[in-house]
C-alpha atoms as a PDB file:
ATOM      1  CA  MET A   1      11.937  -1.938 -14.512  1.00  0.00           C
ATOM      2  CA  VAL A   2       9.001   0.381 -13.697  1.00  0.00           C
ATOM      3  CA  ALA A   3      11.378   3.188 -12.708  1.00  0.00           C
ATOM      4  CA  GLU A   4      13.217   2.879 -16.040  1.00  0.00           C
ATOM      5  CA  VAL A   5       9.957   3.236 -17.975  1.00  0.00           C
ATOM      6  CA  ILE A   6       8.995   6.321 -15.956  1.00  0.00           C
ATOM      7  CA  GLU A   7      12.418   7.890 -16.520  1.00  0.00           C
ATOM      8  CA  GLN A   8      12.139   7.287 -20.276  1.00  0.00           C
ATOM      9  CA  MET A   9       8.643   8.779 -20.424  1.00  0.00           C
ATOM     10  CA  GLY A  10       9.614  11.896 -18.495  1.00  0.00           C
ATOM     11  CA  SER A  11       7.235  14.035 -16.442  1.00  0.00           C
ATOM     12  CA  LYS A  12       5.409  15.210 -19.599  1.00  0.00           C
ATOM     13  CA  ALA A  13       3.694  11.826 -19.813  1.00  0.00           C
ATOM     14  CA  PHE A  14       1.853  12.375 -16.530  1.00  0.00           C
ATOM     15  CA  PHE A  15      -1.387  14.199 -15.924  1.00  0.00           C
ATOM     16  CA  THR A  16      -2.654  15.772 -12.736  1.00  0.00           C
ATOM     17  CA  TYR A  17      -4.627  13.229 -10.696  1.00  0.00           C
ATOM     18  CA  ASP A  18      -7.039  13.592  -7.792  1.00  0.00           C
ATOM     19  CA  ALA A  19      -5.641  10.435  -6.226  1.00  0.00           C
ATOM     20  CA  THR A  20      -3.134   7.672  -6.771  1.00  0.00           C
ATOM     21  CA  LEU A  21      -4.137   4.189  -5.618  1.00  0.00           C
ATOM     22  CA  VAL A  22      -1.313   1.880  -4.574  1.00  0.00           C
ATOM     23  CA  PHE A  23      -2.004  -1.841  -4.141  1.00  0.00           C
ATOM     24  CA  THR A  24       0.643  -3.992  -2.469  1.00  0.00           C
ATOM     25  CA  ALA A  25       0.668  -7.464  -0.960  1.00  0.00           C
ATOM     26  CA  ILE A  26       2.962  -9.719   1.014  1.00  0.00           C
ATOM     27  CA  ASP A  27       3.143 -13.312  -0.171  1.00  0.00           C
ATOM     28  CA  SER A  28       2.548 -15.939   2.503  1.00  0.00           C
ATOM     29  CA  GLN A  29       2.082 -19.685   2.531  1.00  0.00           C
ATOM     30  CA  GLU A  30       1.670 -22.614   4.918  1.00  0.00           C
ATOM     31  CA  GLY A  31       4.879 -23.909   6.431  1.00  0.00           C
ATOM     32  CA  SER A  32       7.111 -20.889   5.874  1.00  0.00           C
ATOM     33  CA  ASP A  33       7.634 -17.780   7.952  1.00  0.00           C
ATOM     34  CA  ARG A  34       8.513 -14.331   6.684  1.00  0.00           C
ATOM     35  CA  LYS A  35      12.167 -13.457   7.307  1.00  0.00           C
ATOM     36  CA  ASN A  36      11.242  -9.903   8.392  1.00  0.00           C
ATOM     37  CA  LEU A  37       8.320  -7.471   8.496  1.00  0.00           C
ATOM     38  CA  LYS A  38       9.365  -5.421   5.458  1.00  0.00           C
ATOM     39  CA  TRP A  39       7.374  -4.968   2.268  1.00  0.00           C
ATOM     40  CA  ASN A  40       8.489  -3.975  -1.243  1.00  0.00           C
ATOM     41  CA  GLU A  41       9.487  -0.345  -0.712  1.00  0.00           C
ATOM     42  CA  LEU A  42      10.216   0.130  -4.430  1.00  0.00           C
ATOM     43  CA  ILE A  43       6.655   1.491  -4.550  1.00  0.00           C
ATOM     44  CA  LEU A  44       7.805   4.579  -2.595  1.00  0.00           C
ATOM     45  CA  TYR A  45      10.594   5.210  -5.106  1.00  0.00           C
ATOM     46  CA  VAL A  46       8.130   5.045  -7.989  1.00  0.00           C
ATOM     47  CA  LEU A  47       5.646   7.318  -6.147  1.00  0.00           C
ATOM     48  CA  LYS A  48       8.314   9.987  -5.695  1.00  0.00           C
ATOM     49  CA  MET A  49       8.825  10.045  -9.483  1.00  0.00           C
ATOM     50  CA  ILE A  50       5.163  10.833 -10.236  1.00  0.00           C
ATOM     51  CA  PRO A  51       4.906  14.643 -10.133  1.00  0.00           C
ATOM     52  CA  PHE A  52       1.137  15.292  -9.762  1.00  0.00           C
ATOM     53  CA  LYS A  53      -0.201  12.277  -7.908  1.00  0.00           C
ATOM     54  CA  GLY A  54      -2.854  13.933  -5.721  1.00  0.00           C
ATOM     55  CA  LYS A  55      -3.796  12.071  -2.559  1.00  0.00           C
ATOM     56  CA  VAL A  56      -2.048   8.720  -2.141  1.00  0.00           C
ATOM     57  CA  VAL A  57      -4.238   5.838  -0.931  1.00  0.00           C
ATOM     58  CA  SER A  58      -2.446   2.565  -0.222  1.00  0.00           C
ATOM     59  CA  SER A  59      -4.233  -0.764   0.096  1.00  0.00           C
ATOM     60  CA  MET A  60      -1.964  -3.386   1.631  1.00  0.00           C
ATOM     61  CA  VAL A  61      -2.626  -7.107   2.084  1.00  0.00           C
ATOM     62  CA  ALA A  62      -0.489  -9.043   4.567  1.00  0.00           C
ATOM     63  CA  PRO A  63      -0.756 -12.053   6.866  1.00  0.00           C
ATOM     64  CA  GLY A  64       0.213  -9.921   9.877  1.00  0.00           C
ATOM     65  CA  PRO A  65       2.159  -6.842  10.974  1.00  0.00           C
ATOM     66  CA  LEU A  66       4.267  -4.772   8.555  1.00  0.00           C
ATOM     67  CA  LEU A  67       6.811  -1.995   8.944  1.00  0.00           C
ATOM     68  CA  LEU A  68       4.748   0.917   7.644  1.00  0.00           C
ATOM     69  CA  LYS A  69       6.547   4.005   8.956  1.00  0.00           C
ATOM     70  CA  ASP A  70       7.861   4.931   5.477  1.00  0.00           C
ATOM     71  CA  MET A  71       4.442   4.480   3.864  1.00  0.00           C
ATOM     72  CA  VAL A  72       2.792   6.490   6.654  1.00  0.00           C
ATOM     73  CA  LYS A  73       4.990   9.465   5.652  1.00  0.00           C
ATOM     74  CA  ASP A  74       3.990   9.294   1.971  1.00  0.00           C
ATOM     75  CA  ALA A  75       0.369   8.080   2.045  1.00  0.00           C
ATOM     76  CA  ASP A  76      -2.713  10.101   2.893  1.00  0.00           C
ATOM     77  CA  ALA A  77      -4.573   6.886   3.762  1.00  0.00           C
ATOM     78  CA  ILE A  78      -3.650   3.248   4.321  1.00  0.00           C
ATOM     79  CA  LEU A  79      -6.164   0.417   4.096  1.00  0.00           C
ATOM     80  CA  PHE A  80      -4.661  -2.631   5.775  1.00  0.00           C
ATOM     81  CA  ASN A  81      -6.219  -5.989   4.930  1.00  0.00           C
ATOM     82  CA  SER A  82      -5.206  -9.083   6.828  1.00  0.00           C
ATOM     83  CA  MET A  83      -5.830 -12.082   4.580  1.00  0.00           C
ATOM     84  CA  PRO A  84      -9.044 -10.872   2.897  1.00  0.00           C
ATOM     85  CA  GLY A  85     -11.662 -13.097   1.316  1.00  0.00           C
ATOM     86  CA  GLU A  86     -13.607 -13.101  -1.936  1.00  0.00           C
ATOM     87  CA  GLN A  87     -15.354  -9.757  -1.253  1.00  0.00           C
ATOM     88  CA  TYR A  88     -12.032  -7.928  -0.789  1.00  0.00           C
ATOM     89  CA  ALA A  89     -12.256  -5.870  -3.973  1.00  0.00           C
ATOM     90  CA  VAL A  90     -15.869  -4.842  -3.316  1.00  0.00           C
ATOM     91  CA  GLY A  91     -14.994  -3.810   0.243  1.00  0.00           C
ATOM     92  CA  VAL A  92     -11.946  -1.783  -0.769  1.00  0.00           C
ATOM     93  CA  MET A  93     -13.844   0.030  -3.531  1.00  0.00           C
ATOM     94  CA  ASN A  94     -16.733   0.806  -1.140  1.00  0.00           C
ATOM     95  CA  ILE A  95     -14.239   2.422   1.236  1.00  0.00           C
ATOM     96  CA  ILE A  96     -12.320   4.325  -1.466  1.00  0.00           C
ATOM     97  CA  PHE A  97     -15.491   5.712  -3.072  1.00  0.00           C
ATOM     98  CA  GLY A  98     -17.098   6.562   0.274  1.00  0.00           C
ATOM     99  CA  SER A  99     -19.981   4.064   0.284  1.00  0.00           C
ATOM    100  CA  THR A 100     -18.907   2.793   3.690  1.00  0.00           C
ATOM    101  CA  ASN A 101     -16.758   4.007   6.551  1.00  0.00           C
ATOM    102  CA  PRO A 102     -14.017   1.585   7.599  1.00  0.00           C
ATOM    103  CA  SER A 103     -13.746   0.636  11.235  1.00  0.00           C
ATOM    104  CA  ALA A 104     -11.900  -2.181  12.908  1.00  0.00           C
ATOM    105  CA  LYS A 105      -9.340  -2.980  15.543  1.00  0.00           C
ATOM    106  CA  LEU A 106      -6.236  -4.931  14.659  1.00  0.00           C
ATOM    107  CA  THR A 107      -5.486  -8.028  16.694  1.00  0.00           C
ATOM    108  CA  PHE A 108      -1.806  -7.081  16.659  1.00  0.00           C
ATOM    109  CA  THR A 109       0.393  -3.991  16.984  1.00  0.00           C
ATOM    110  CA  MET A 110       2.127  -2.458  13.962  1.00  0.00           C
ATOM    111  CA  PRO A 111       5.809  -2.196  14.881  1.00  0.00           C
ATOM    112  CA  ASN A 112       8.149   0.716  14.120  1.00  0.00           C
ATOM    113  CA  VAL A 113      11.198  -1.532  13.652  1.00  0.00           C
ATOM    114  CA  ASP A 114      11.780  -5.228  13.084  1.00  0.00           C
ATOM    115  CA  ASN A 115      11.637  -7.300  16.263  1.00  0.00           C
ATOM    116  CA  GLU A 116       9.812  -4.631  18.273  1.00  0.00           C
END
């Protein structure tokens, strides 16, 4: 649906941006496991259609590891959030606008392929 709107608008509808912020999340709930470690890669298709996007900053929320090798190729920065709390938005904006420098170690390894 988003891709159709972009195609109809054409590249004339876009301006030149300093940065494009991409927010994605993986849905998770008690009592059900994810079938794989993939995320909605439609975002990458839409990003490729935006001609003057500037730096791409992706903020991803997930309950655990994700397959990020495709996003790593297209994003200048990835902020990975593992089940954030109520101050999530404040924290992400502080990082994006340079008020704080992110630092952390993940308690898991990000795989290159499913079942790695």
